[in-house]
PDB file of N, CA and C in Angstrom:
ATOM      1  N   MET A   1       3.141  -3.436 -15.473  1.00  0.00           N
ATOM      2  CA  MET A   1       2.164  -2.417 -15.210  1.00  0.00           C
ATOM      3  C   MET A   1       2.042  -1.475 -16.402  1.00  0.00           C
ATOM      4  N   GLY A   2       3.079  -0.781 -16.795  1.00  0.00           N
ATOM      5  CA  GLY A   2       3.008   0.186 -17.873  1.00  0.00           C
ATOM      6  C   GLY A   2       2.169   1.395 -17.488  1.00  0.00           C
ATOM      7  N   THR A   3       1.850   2.204 -18.466  1.00  0.00           N
ATOM      8  CA  THR A   3       1.054   3.409 -18.208  1.00  0.00           C
ATOM      9  C   THR A   3      -0.386   3.260 -18.678  1.00  0.00           C
ATOM     10  N   ALA A   4      -0.725   2.183 -19.352  1.00  0.00           N
ATOM     11  CA  ALA A   4      -2.083   1.979 -19.848  1.00  0.00           C
ATOM     12  C   ALA A   4      -3.072   1.943 -18.690  1.00  0.00           C
ATOM     13  N   GLY A   5      -4.184   2.634 -18.867  1.00  0.00           N
ATOM     14  CA  GLY A   5      -5.236   2.630 -17.854  1.00  0.00           C
ATOM     15  C   GLY A   5      -5.032   3.598 -16.705  1.00  0.00           C
ATOM     16  N   ARG A   6      -3.898   4.282 -16.666  1.00  0.00           N
ATOM     17  CA  ARG A   6      -3.652   5.237 -15.587  1.00  0.00           C
ATOM     18  C   ARG A   6      -4.365   6.545 -15.904  1.00  0.00           C
ATOM     19  N   PRO A   7      -4.723   7.333 -14.880  1.00  0.00           N
ATOM     20  CA  PRO A   7      -5.401   8.619 -15.125  1.00  0.00           C
ATOM     21  C   PRO A   7      -4.526   9.546 -15.971  1.00  0.00           C
ATOM     22  N   THR A   8      -5.170  10.386 -16.767  1.00  0.00           N
ATOM     23  CA  THR A   8      -4.455  11.318 -17.629  1.00  0.00           C
ATOM     24  C   THR A   8      -4.832  12.761 -17.308  1.00  0.00           C
ATOM     25  N   CYS A   9      -4.007  13.670 -17.774  1.00  0.00           N
ATOM     26  CA  CYS A   9      -4.237  15.106 -17.639  1.00  0.00           C
ATOM     27  C   CYS A   9      -3.329  15.804 -18.646  1.00  0.00           C
ATOM     28  N   VAL A  10      -3.345  17.121 -18.669  1.00  0.00           N
ATOM     29  CA  VAL A  10      -2.419  17.848 -19.524  1.00  0.00           C
ATOM     30  C   VAL A  10      -1.026  17.734 -18.917  1.00  0.00           C
ATOM     31  N   VAL A  11      -0.060  17.324 -19.721  1.00  0.00           N
ATOM     32  CA  VAL A  11       1.325  17.222 -19.278  1.00  0.00           C
ATOM     33  C   VAL A  11       2.186  18.148 -20.131  1.00  0.00           C
ATOM     34  N   HIS A  12       3.303  18.567 -19.591  1.00  0.00           N
ATOM     35  CA  HIS A  12       4.220  19.463 -20.288  1.00  0.00           C
ATOM     36  C   HIS A  12       4.828  18.776 -21.500  1.00  0.00           C
ATOM     37  N   GLY A  13       5.304  17.562 -21.314  1.00  0.00           N
ATOM     38  CA  GLY A  13       5.850  16.782 -22.410  1.00  0.00           C
ATOM     39  C   GLY A  13       7.344  16.901 -22.619  1.00  0.00           C
ATOM     40  N   ASP A  14       7.978  17.894 -22.004  1.00  0.00           N
ATOM     41  CA  ASP A  14       9.421  18.072 -22.184  1.00  0.00           C
ATOM     42  C   ASP A  14      10.035  18.764 -20.969  1.00  0.00           C
ATOM     43  N   PRO A  15       9.817  18.185 -19.775  1.00  0.00           N
ATOM     44  CA  PRO A  15      10.397  18.822 -18.588  1.00  0.00           C
ATOM     45  C   PRO A  15      11.902  18.560 -18.542  1.00  0.00           C
ATOM     46  N   ASN A  16      12.674  19.580 -18.723  1.00  0.00           N
ATOM     47  CA  ASN A  16      14.123  19.456 -18.656  1.00  0.00           C
ATOM     48  C   ASN A  16      14.644  20.769 -18.077  1.00  0.00           C
ATOM     49  N   PRO A  17      15.890  20.823 -17.675  1.00  0.00           N
ATOM     50  CA  PRO A  17      16.404  22.035 -17.012  1.00  0.00           C
ATOM     51  C   PRO A  17      16.210  23.331 -17.801  1.00  0.00           C
ATOM     52  N   ARG A  18      16.167  23.270 -19.121  1.00  0.00           N
ATOM     53  CA  ARG A  18      15.959  24.489 -19.916  1.00  0.00           C
ATOM     54  C   ARG A  18      14.524  25.000 -19.841  1.00  0.00           C
ATOM     55  N   ASN A  19      13.585  24.125 -19.453  1.00  0.00           N
ATOM     56  CA  ASN A  19      12.171  24.487 -19.436  1.00  0.00           C
ATOM     57  C   ASN A  19      11.604  24.682 -18.032  1.00  0.00           C
ATOM     58  N   VAL A  20      12.440  24.672 -17.026  1.00  0.00           N
ATOM     59  CA  VAL A  20      11.987  24.840 -15.638  1.00  0.00           C
ATOM     60  C   VAL A  20      12.596  26.109 -15.073  1.00  0.00           C
ATOM     61  N   ARG A  21      11.759  26.915 -14.448  1.00  0.00           N
ATOM     62  CA  ARG A  21      12.216  28.135 -13.772  1.00  0.00           C
ATOM     63  C   ARG A  21      11.836  28.028 -12.304  1.00  0.00           C
ATOM     64  N   LEU A  22      12.784  28.306 -11.432  1.00  0.00           N
ATOM     65  CA  LEU A  22      12.573  28.197  -9.988  1.00  0.00           C
ATOM     66  C   LEU A  22      12.793  29.529  -9.291  1.00  0.00           C
ATOM     67  N   THR A  23      11.973  29.797  -8.297  1.00  0.00           N
ATOM     68  CA  THR A  23      12.220  30.888  -7.356  1.00  0.00           C
ATOM     69  C   THR A  23      12.185  30.251  -5.977  1.00  0.00           C
ATOM     70  N   ALA A  24      12.321  31.052  -4.940  1.00  0.00           N
ATOM     71  CA  ALA A  24      12.320  30.513  -3.581  1.00  0.00           C
ATOM     72  C   ALA A  24      11.002  29.812  -3.238  1.00  0.00           C
ATOM     73  N   ASP A  25       9.899  30.250  -3.853  1.00  0.00           N
ATOM     74  CA  ASP A  25       8.611  29.666  -3.478  1.00  0.00           C
ATOM     75  C   ASP A  25       7.761  29.183  -4.650  1.00  0.00           C
ATOM     76  N   ARG A  26       8.313  29.155  -5.860  1.00  0.00           N
ATOM     77  CA  ARG A  26       7.525  28.731  -7.025  1.00  0.00           C
ATOM     78  C   ARG A  26       8.351  27.947  -8.033  1.00  0.00           C
ATOM     79  N   VAL A  27       7.634  27.129  -8.767  1.00  0.00           N
ATOM     80  CA  VAL A  27       8.214  26.405  -9.897  1.00  0.00           C
ATOM     81  C   VAL A  27       7.346  26.722 -11.105  1.00  0.00           C
ATOM     82  N   ALA A  28       7.963  27.057 -12.222  1.00  0.00           N
ATOM     83  CA  ALA A  28       7.212  27.331 -13.453  1.00  0.00           C
ATOM     84  C   ALA A  28       7.816  26.533 -14.595  1.00  0.00           C
ATOM     85  N   LEU A  29       6.953  26.056 -15.466  1.00  0.00           N
ATOM     86  CA  LEU A  29       7.390  25.370 -16.678  1.00  0.00           C
ATOM     87  C   LEU A  29       7.136  26.296 -17.857  1.00  0.00           C
ATOM     88  N   ILE A  30       8.122  26.426 -18.728  1.00  0.00           N
ATOM     89  CA  ILE A  30       7.975  27.236 -19.936  1.00  0.00           C
ATOM     90  C   ILE A  30       8.114  26.326 -21.152  1.00  0.00           C
ATOM     91  N   ASP A  31       7.865  26.862 -22.335  1.00  0.00           N
ATOM     92  CA  ASP A  31       8.044  26.141 -23.591  1.00  0.00           C
ATOM     93  C   ASP A  31       7.129  24.918 -23.658  1.00  0.00           C
ATOM     94  N   TRP A  32       5.853  25.167 -23.795  1.00  0.00           N
ATOM     95  CA  TRP A  32       4.837  24.122 -23.773  1.00  0.00           C
ATOM     96  C   TRP A  32       4.531  23.554 -25.164  1.00  0.00           C
ATOM     97  N   ASP A  33       5.458  23.608 -26.108  1.00  0.00           N
ATOM     98  CA  ASP A  33       5.163  23.149 -27.465  1.00  0.00           C
ATOM     99  C   ASP A  33       4.957  21.645 -27.576  1.00  0.00           C
ATOM    100  N   GLU A  34       5.356  20.875 -26.593  1.00  0.00           N
ATOM    101  CA  GLU A  34       5.146  19.425 -26.629  1.00  0.00           C
ATOM    102  C   GLU A  34       4.052  18.974 -25.670  1.00  0.00           C
ATOM    103  N   ALA A  35       3.262  19.929 -25.159  1.00  0.00           N
ATOM    104  CA  ALA A  35       2.184  19.592 -24.232  1.00  0.00           C
ATOM    105  C   ALA A  35       1.157  18.689 -24.909  1.00  0.00           C
ATOM    106  N   ASN A  36       0.584  17.791 -24.116  1.00  0.00           N
ATOM    107  CA  ASN A  36      -0.445  16.882 -24.614  1.00  0.00           C
ATOM    108  C   ASN A  36      -1.190  16.293 -23.426  1.00  0.00           C
ATOM    109  N   VAL A  37      -2.188  15.498 -23.693  1.00  0.00           N
ATOM    110  CA  VAL A  37      -2.899  14.795 -22.628  1.00  0.00           C
ATOM    111  C   VAL A  37      -2.286  13.414 -22.513  1.00  0.00           C
ATOM    112  N   ASP A  38      -1.776  13.117 -21.332  1.00  0.00           N
ATOM    113  CA  ASP A  38      -1.111  11.832 -21.115  1.00  0.00           C
ATOM    114  C   ASP A  38      -1.065  11.550 -19.618  1.00  0.00           C
ATOM    115  N   VAL A  39      -0.340  10.536 -19.239  1.00  0.00           N
ATOM    116  CA  VAL A  39      -0.175  10.140 -17.843  1.00  0.00           C
ATOM    117  C   VAL A  39       0.796  11.113 -17.168  1.00  0.00           C
ATOM    118  N   PRO A  40       0.418  11.755 -16.047  1.00  0.00           N
ATOM    119  CA  PRO A  40       1.299  12.744 -15.424  1.00  0.00           C
ATOM    120  C   PRO A  40       2.647  12.182 -14.978  1.00  0.00           C
ATOM    121  N   ASP A  41       2.714  10.884 -14.742  1.00  0.00           N
ATOM    122  CA  ASP A  41       3.993  10.284 -14.349  1.00  0.00           C
ATOM    123  C   ASP A  41       5.082  10.549 -15.388  1.00  0.00           C
ATOM    124  N   LEU A  42       4.695  10.740 -16.658  1.00  0.00           N
ATOM    125  CA  LEU A  42       5.691  10.983 -17.700  1.00  0.00           C
ATOM    126  C   LEU A  42       6.457  12.274 -17.446  1.00  0.00           C
ATOM    127  N   ASP A  43       5.796  13.298 -16.920  1.00  0.00           N
ATOM    128  CA  ASP A  43       6.474  14.547 -16.566  1.00  0.00           C
ATOM    129  C   ASP A  43       7.228  14.409 -15.247  1.00  0.00           C
ATOM    130  N   LEU A  44       6.838  13.436 -14.432  1.00  0.00           N
ATOM    131  CA  LEU A  44       7.433  13.295 -13.100  1.00  0.00           C
ATOM    132  C   LEU A  44       8.581  12.297 -13.049  1.00  0.00           C
ATOM    133  N   ALA A  45       8.864  11.613 -14.137  1.00  0.00           N
ATOM    134  CA  ALA A  45       9.962  10.641 -14.169  1.00  0.00           C
ATOM    135  C   ALA A  45      11.272  11.388 -14.378  1.00  0.00           C
ATOM    136  N   VAL A  46      11.620  12.192 -13.398  1.00  0.00           N
ATOM    137  CA  VAL A  46      12.821  13.027 -13.458  1.00  0.00           C
ATOM    138  C   VAL A  46      14.007  12.271 -12.870  1.00  0.00           C
ATOM    139  N   PRO A  47      15.230  12.698 -13.195  1.00  0.00           N
ATOM    140  CA  PRO A  47      16.410  11.966 -12.712  1.00  0.00           C
ATOM    141  C   PRO A  47      16.392  11.712 -11.207  1.00  0.00           C
ATOM    142  N   HIS A  48      16.884  10.568 -10.852  1.00  0.00           N
ATOM    143  CA  HIS A  48      17.022  10.135  -9.461  1.00  0.00           C
ATOM    144  C   HIS A  48      15.674  10.043  -8.756  1.00  0.00           C
ATOM    145  N   ASN A  49      14.583   9.916  -9.521  1.00  0.00           N
ATOM    146  CA  ASN A  49      13.237   9.797  -8.980  1.00  0.00           C
ATOM    147  C   ASN A  49      12.931  10.902  -7.968  1.00  0.00           C
ATOM    148  N   ALA A  50      13.312  12.120  -8.311  1.00  0.00           N
ATOM    149  CA  ALA A  50      13.127  13.261  -7.413  1.00  0.00           C
ATOM    150  C   ALA A  50      11.657  13.533  -7.097  1.00  0.00           C
ATOM    151  N   ALA A  51      10.732  13.046  -7.920  1.00  0.00           N
ATOM    152  CA  ALA A  51       9.304  13.241  -7.647  1.00  0.00           C
ATOM    153  C   ALA A  51       8.739  12.139  -6.751  1.00  0.00           C
ATOM    154  N   ALA A  52       9.576  11.200  -6.348  1.00  0.00           N
ATOM    155  CA  ALA A  52       9.218  10.134  -5.403  1.00  0.00           C
ATOM    156  C   ALA A  52       8.064   9.256  -5.890  1.00  0.00           C
ATOM    157  N   LEU A  53       8.071   8.905  -7.181  1.00  0.00           N
ATOM    158  CA  LEU A  53       7.101   7.935  -7.679  1.00  0.00           C
ATOM    159  C   LEU A  53       7.441   6.579  -7.088  1.00  0.00           C
ATOM    160  N   ASP A  54       6.447   5.682  -6.959  1.00  0.00           N
ATOM    161  CA  ASP A  54       6.801   4.347  -6.499  1.00  0.00           C
ATOM    162  C   ASP A  54       7.643   3.683  -7.588  1.00  0.00           C
ATOM    163  N   ASP A  55       8.404   2.672  -7.224  1.00  0.00           N
ATOM    164  CA  ASP A  55       9.373   2.072  -8.147  1.00  0.00           C
ATOM    165  C   ASP A  55       8.745   1.619  -9.463  1.00  0.00           C
ATOM    166  N   GLU A  56       7.576   0.985  -9.393  1.00  0.00           N
ATOM    167  CA  GLU A  56       6.924   0.474 -10.591  1.00  0.00           C
ATOM    168  C   GLU A  56       6.469   1.618 -11.499  1.00  0.00           C
ATOM    169  N   ALA A  57       5.877   2.657 -10.929  1.00  0.00           N
ATOM    170  CA  ALA A  57       5.418   3.810 -11.721  1.00  0.00           C
ATOM    171  C   ALA A  57       6.604   4.537 -12.339  1.00  0.00           C
ATOM    172  N   TYR A  58       7.681   4.705 -11.565  1.00  0.00           N
ATOM    173  CA  TYR A  58       8.863   5.388 -12.091  1.00  0.00           C
ATOM    174  C   TYR A  58       9.457   4.608 -13.256  1.00  0.00           C
ATOM    175  N   ASP A  59       9.578   3.295 -13.101  1.00  0.00           N
ATOM    176  CA  ASP A  59      10.162   2.467 -14.154  1.00  0.00           C
ATOM    177  C   ASP A  59       9.317   2.537 -15.426  1.00  0.00           C
ATOM    178  N   ALA A  60       8.009   2.411 -15.298  1.00  0.00           N
ATOM    179  CA  ALA A  60       7.129   2.463 -16.473  1.00  0.00           C
ATOM    180  C   ALA A  60       7.212   3.820 -17.149  1.00  0.00           C
ATOM    181  N   ALA A  61       7.205   4.897 -16.378  1.00  0.00           N
ATOM    182  CA  ALA A  61       7.265   6.241 -16.953  1.00  0.00           C
ATOM    183  C   ALA A  61       8.617   6.505 -17.604  1.00  0.00           C
ATOM    184  N   ALA A  62       9.692   6.064 -16.976  1.00  0.00           N
ATOM    185  CA  ALA A  62      11.025   6.266 -17.542  1.00  0.00           C
ATOM    186  C   ALA A  62      11.162   5.519 -18.869  1.00  0.00           C
ATOM    187  N   GLN A  63      10.620   4.306 -18.945  1.00  0.00           N
ATOM    188  CA  GLN A  63      10.659   3.545 -20.187  1.00  0.00           C
ATOM    189  C   GLN A  63       9.820   4.221 -21.273  1.00  0.00           C
ATOM    190  N   ALA A  64       8.641   4.710 -20.901  1.00  0.00           N
ATOM    191  CA  ALA A  64       7.769   5.383 -21.871  1.00  0.00           C
ATOM    192  C   ALA A  64       8.417   6.660 -22.385  1.00  0.00           C
ATOM    193  N   ARG A  65       9.052   7.423 -21.495  1.00  0.00           N
ATOM    194  CA  ARG A  65       9.724   8.652 -21.935  1.00  0.00           C
ATOM    195  C   ARG A  65      10.875   8.346 -22.877  1.00  0.00           C
ATOM    196  N   ALA A  66      11.664   7.321 -22.553  1.00  0.00           N
ATOM    197  CA  ALA A  66      12.787   6.955 -23.421  1.00  0.00           C
ATOM    198  C   ALA A  66      12.272   6.543 -24.795  1.00  0.00           C
ATOM    199  N   ALA A  67      11.203   5.743 -24.838  1.00  0.00           N
ATOM    200  CA  ALA A  67      10.643   5.304 -26.114  1.00  0.00           C
ATOM    201  C   ALA A  67      10.107   6.491 -26.916  1.00  0.00           C
ATOM    202  N   TRP A  68       9.442   7.438 -26.240  1.00  0.00           N
ATOM    203  CA  TRP A  68       8.919   8.619 -26.921  1.00  0.00           C
ATOM    204  C   TRP A  68      10.059   9.459 -27.501  1.00  0.00           C
ATOM    205  N   GLU A  69      11.118   9.643 -26.727  1.00  0.00           N
ATOM    206  CA  GLU A  69      12.247  10.441 -27.220  1.00  0.00           C
ATOM    207  C   GLU A  69      12.879   9.795 -28.437  1.00  0.00           C
ATOM    208  N   VAL A  70      12.955   8.475 -28.467  1.00  0.00           N
ATOM    209  CA  VAL A  70      13.476   7.785 -29.645  1.00  0.00           C
ATOM    210  C   VAL A  70      12.553   8.037 -30.832  1.00  0.00           C
ATOM    211  N   ALA A  71      11.246   7.928 -30.605  1.00  0.00           N
ATOM    212  CA  ALA A  71      10.282   8.086 -31.694  1.00  0.00           C
ATOM    213  C   ALA A  71      10.328   9.484 -32.304  1.00  0.00           C
ATOM    214  N   VAL A  72      10.465  10.516 -31.483  1.00  0.00           N
ATOM    215  CA  VAL A  72      10.424  11.880 -32.020  1.00  0.00           C
ATOM    216  C   VAL A  72      11.790  12.367 -32.494  1.00  0.00           C
ATOM    217  N   CYS A  73      12.856  11.677 -32.145  1.00  0.00           N
ATOM    218  CA  CYS A  73      14.196  12.122 -32.526  1.00  0.00           C
ATOM    219  C   CYS A  73      14.848  11.235 -33.581  1.00  0.00           C
ATOM    220  N   TRP A  74      14.236  10.116 -33.881  1.00  0.00           N
ATOM    221  CA  TRP A  74      14.920   9.113 -34.688  1.00  0.00           C
ATOM    222  C   TRP A  74      15.285   9.620 -36.068  1.00  0.00           C
ATOM    223  N   ASP A  75      16.513   9.426 -36.429  1.00  0.00           N
ATOM    224  CA  ASP A  75      17.016   9.734 -37.767  1.00  0.00           C
ATOM    225  C   ASP A  75      17.132   8.399 -38.501  1.00  0.00           C
ATOM    226  N   PRO A  76      16.382   8.194 -39.585  1.00  0.00           N
ATOM    227  CA  PRO A  76      16.384   6.899 -40.266  1.00  0.00           C
ATOM    228  C   PRO A  76      17.761   6.441 -40.731  1.00  0.00           C
ATOM    229  N   THR A  77      18.712   7.356 -40.844  1.00  0.00           N
ATOM    230  CA  THR A  77      20.056   6.934 -41.261  1.00  0.00           C
ATOM    231  C   THR A  77      20.818   6.292 -40.109  1.00  0.00           C
ATOM    232  N   GLY A  78      20.268   6.409 -38.886  1.00  0.00           N
ATOM    233  CA  GLY A  78      20.917   5.814 -37.725  1.00  0.00           C
ATOM    234  C   GLY A  78      22.066   6.645 -37.188  1.00  0.00           C
ATOM    235  N   THR A  79      22.164   7.908 -37.616  1.00  0.00           N
ATOM    236  CA  THR A  79      23.288   8.732 -37.179  1.00  0.00           C
ATOM    237  C   THR A  79      22.954   9.597 -35.965  1.00  0.00           C
ATOM    238  N   ASP A  80      21.717   9.547 -35.489  1.00  0.00           N
ATOM    239  CA  ASP A  80      21.310  10.349 -34.336  1.00  0.00           C
ATOM    240  C   ASP A  80      21.758   9.643 -33.052  1.00  0.00           C
ATOM    241  N   ARG A  81      22.875  10.047 -32.506  1.00  0.00           N
ATOM    242  CA  ARG A  81      23.449   9.363 -31.338  1.00  0.00           C
ATOM    243  C   ARG A  81      22.547   9.456 -30.109  1.00  0.00           C
ATOM    244  N   PHE A  82      21.846  10.587 -29.935  1.00  0.00           N
ATOM    245  CA  PHE A  82      20.936  10.711 -28.798  1.00  0.00           C
ATOM    246  C   PHE A  82      19.849   9.645 -28.875  1.00  0.00           C
ATOM    247  N   ALA A  83      19.194   9.522 -30.032  1.00  0.00           N
ATOM    248  CA  ALA A  83      18.127   8.535 -30.191  1.00  0.00           C
ATOM    249  C   ALA A  83      18.659   7.114 -30.040  1.00  0.00           C
ATOM    250  N   VAL A  84      19.815   6.840 -30.612  1.00  0.00           N
ATOM    251  CA  VAL A  84      20.406   5.502 -30.503  1.00  0.00           C
ATOM    252  C   VAL A  84      20.701   5.180 -29.036  1.00  0.00           C
ATOM    253  N   GLY A  85      21.225   6.145 -28.290  1.00  0.00           N
ATOM    254  CA  GLY A  85      21.501   5.934 -26.869  1.00  0.00           C
ATOM    255  C   GLY A  85      20.238   5.702 -26.067  1.00  0.00           C
ATOM    256  N   ARG A  86      19.189   6.497 -26.344  1.00  0.00           N
ATOM    257  CA  ARG A  86      17.917   6.316 -25.633  1.00  0.00           C
ATOM    258  C   ARG A  86      17.284   4.979 -25.992  1.00  0.00           C
ATOM    259  N   LEU A  87      17.392   4.569 -27.258  1.00  0.00           N
ATOM    260  CA  LEU A  87      16.827   3.281 -27.663  1.00  0.00           C
ATOM    261  C   LEU A  87      17.464   2.139 -26.878  1.00  0.00           C
ATOM    262  N   ALA A  88      18.732   2.257 -26.551  1.00  0.00           N
ATOM    263  CA  ALA A  88      19.400   1.221 -25.773  1.00  0.00           C
ATOM    264  C   ALA A  88      18.821   1.094 -24.372  1.00  0.00           C
ATOM    265  N   GLU A  89      18.122   2.139 -23.885  1.00  0.00           N
ATOM    266  CA  GLU A  89      17.512   2.103 -22.557  1.00  0.00           C
ATOM    267  C   GLU A  89      16.110   1.498 -22.556  1.00  0.00           C
ATOM    268  N   VAL A  90      15.497   1.356 -23.727  1.00  0.00           N
ATOM    269  CA  VAL A  90      14.115   0.893 -23.810  1.00  0.00           C
ATOM    270  C   VAL A  90      14.074  -0.631 -23.717  1.00  0.00           C
ATOM    271  N   ARG A  91      13.187  -1.113 -22.872  1.00  0.00           N
ATOM    272  CA  ARG A  91      12.975  -2.545 -22.738  1.00  0.00           C
ATOM    273  C   ARG A  91      11.499  -2.770 -22.456  1.00  0.00           C
ATOM    274  N   ALA A  92      11.035  -3.960 -22.634  1.00  0.00           N
ATOM    275  CA  ALA A  92       9.625  -4.274 -22.376  1.00  0.00           C
ATOM    276  C   ALA A  92       9.347  -4.160 -20.874  1.00  0.00           C
ATOM    277  N   VAL A  93       8.209  -3.577 -20.533  1.00  0.00           N
ATOM    278  CA  VAL A  93       7.787  -3.517 -19.124  1.00  0.00           C
ATOM    279  C   VAL A  93       6.468  -4.231 -18.969  1.00  0.00           C
TER     280      VAL A  93
END
Protein backbone atom coordinates (compact mmCIF):
# COMPACT_ATOMS: atom_id res chain seq x y z
CA MET A 1 0.00 0.00 0.00
CA GLY A 2 2.49 2.68 1.09
CA THR A 3 1.49 6.31 1.45
CA ALA A 4 1.34 7.21 -2.26
CA GLY A 5 -2.06 8.47 -3.36
CA ARG A 6 -3.36 9.01 0.17
CA PRO A 7 -4.94 12.39 1.08
CA THR A 8 -2.54 15.04 2.36
CA CYS A 9 -2.72 18.01 4.72
CA VAL A 10 -0.39 20.07 6.89
CA VAL A 11 1.42 17.74 9.29
CA HIS A 12 3.62 18.58 12.27
CA GLY A 13 6.49 16.43 11.04
CA ASP A 14 8.07 15.74 14.43
CA PRO A 15 5.48 14.58 16.96
CA ASN A 16 7.45 13.39 19.96
CA PRO A 17 7.05 13.82 23.73
CA ARG A 18 9.08 17.07 23.72
CA ASN A 19 6.68 18.64 21.20
CA VAL A 20 3.34 17.63 22.75
CA ARG A 21 1.61 19.50 25.56
CA LEU A 22 -1.41 18.01 27.32
CA THR A 23 -4.04 19.39 29.66
CA ALA A 24 -7.15 17.66 30.98
CA ASP A 25 -9.12 18.66 27.88
CA ARG A 26 -6.61 19.70 25.18
CA VAL A 27 -3.63 18.55 23.20
CA ALA A 28 -1.22 21.06 21.65
CA LEU A 29 1.76 20.57 19.38
CA ILE A 30 4.67 22.99 19.62
CA ASP A 31 7.89 23.41 17.61
CA TRP A 32 6.52 23.33 14.08
CA ASP A 33 9.90 23.73 12.31
CA GLU A 34 9.48 20.43 10.45
CA ALA A 35 5.88 21.06 9.36
CA ASN A 36 5.03 20.23 5.76
CA VAL A 37 2.23 18.95 3.56
CA ASP A 38 2.13 15.18 3.69
CA VAL A 39 -0.01 12.19 4.64
CA PRO A 40 -1.49 12.73 8.15
CA ASP A 41 -0.79 9.10 9.05
CA LEU A 42 2.89 10.10 9.37
CA ASP A 43 2.05 12.20 12.45
CA LEU A 44 -0.28 9.48 13.75
CA ALA A 45 2.17 6.56 13.59
CA VAL A 46 2.88 6.90 17.30
CA PRO A 47 4.23 4.11 19.53
CA HIS A 48 1.94 1.17 20.15
CA ASN A 49 -0.43 2.47 17.44
CA ALA A 50 -2.09 4.75 20.00
CA ALA A 51 -3.90 6.59 17.17
CA ALA A 52 -5.60 3.30 16.16
CA LEU A 53 -4.61 3.33 12.49
CA ASP A 54 -5.48 0.14 10.63
CA ASP A 55 -2.55 -2.29 10.50
CA GLU A 56 -1.64 -1.55 6.87
CA ALA A 57 -1.74 2.25 7.31
CA TYR A 58 0.26 2.07 10.54
CA ASP A 59 2.92 -0.14 8.96
CA ALA A 60 3.29 2.10 5.90
CA ALA A 61 3.46 5.27 8.02
CA ALA A 62 5.94 3.76 10.48
CA GLN A 63 8.20 2.70 7.61
CA ALA A 64 7.96 6.14 5.97
CA ARG A 65 8.78 7.89 9.25
CA ALA A 66 11.79 5.65 9.86
CA ALA A 67 13.07 6.29 6.33
CA TRP A 68 12.58 10.06 6.72
CA GLU A 69 14.44 10.10 10.04
CA VAL A 70 17.35 8.27 8.42
CA ALA A 71 17.38 10.74 5.53
CA VAL A 72 17.43 13.86 7.72
CA CYS A 73 19.82 12.49 10.35
CA TRP A 74 22.27 10.51 8.27
CA ASP A 75 25.93 11.17 8.94
CA PRO A 76 27.94 10.08 5.86
CA THR A 77 30.72 8.77 8.12
CA GLY A 78 28.27 6.18 9.45
CA THR A 79 28.82 7.24 13.05
CA ASP A 80 25.24 8.42 13.69
CA ARG A 81 23.91 5.54 15.80
CA PHE A 82 20.33 6.87 15.78
CA ALA A 83 20.20 6.92 11.97
CA VAL A 84 21.91 3.53 11.70
CA GLY A 85 19.37 2.05 14.14
CA ARG A 86 16.41 3.56 12.29
CA LEU A 87 17.80 2.36 8.95
CA ALA A 88 17.72 -1.19 10.32
CA GLU A 89 13.93 -0.78 10.74
CA VAL A 90 13.30 0.28 7.12
CA ARG A 91 12.07 -2.36 4.72
CA ALA A 92 10.14 -2.34 1.46
CA VAL A 93 6.36 -2.06 1.85
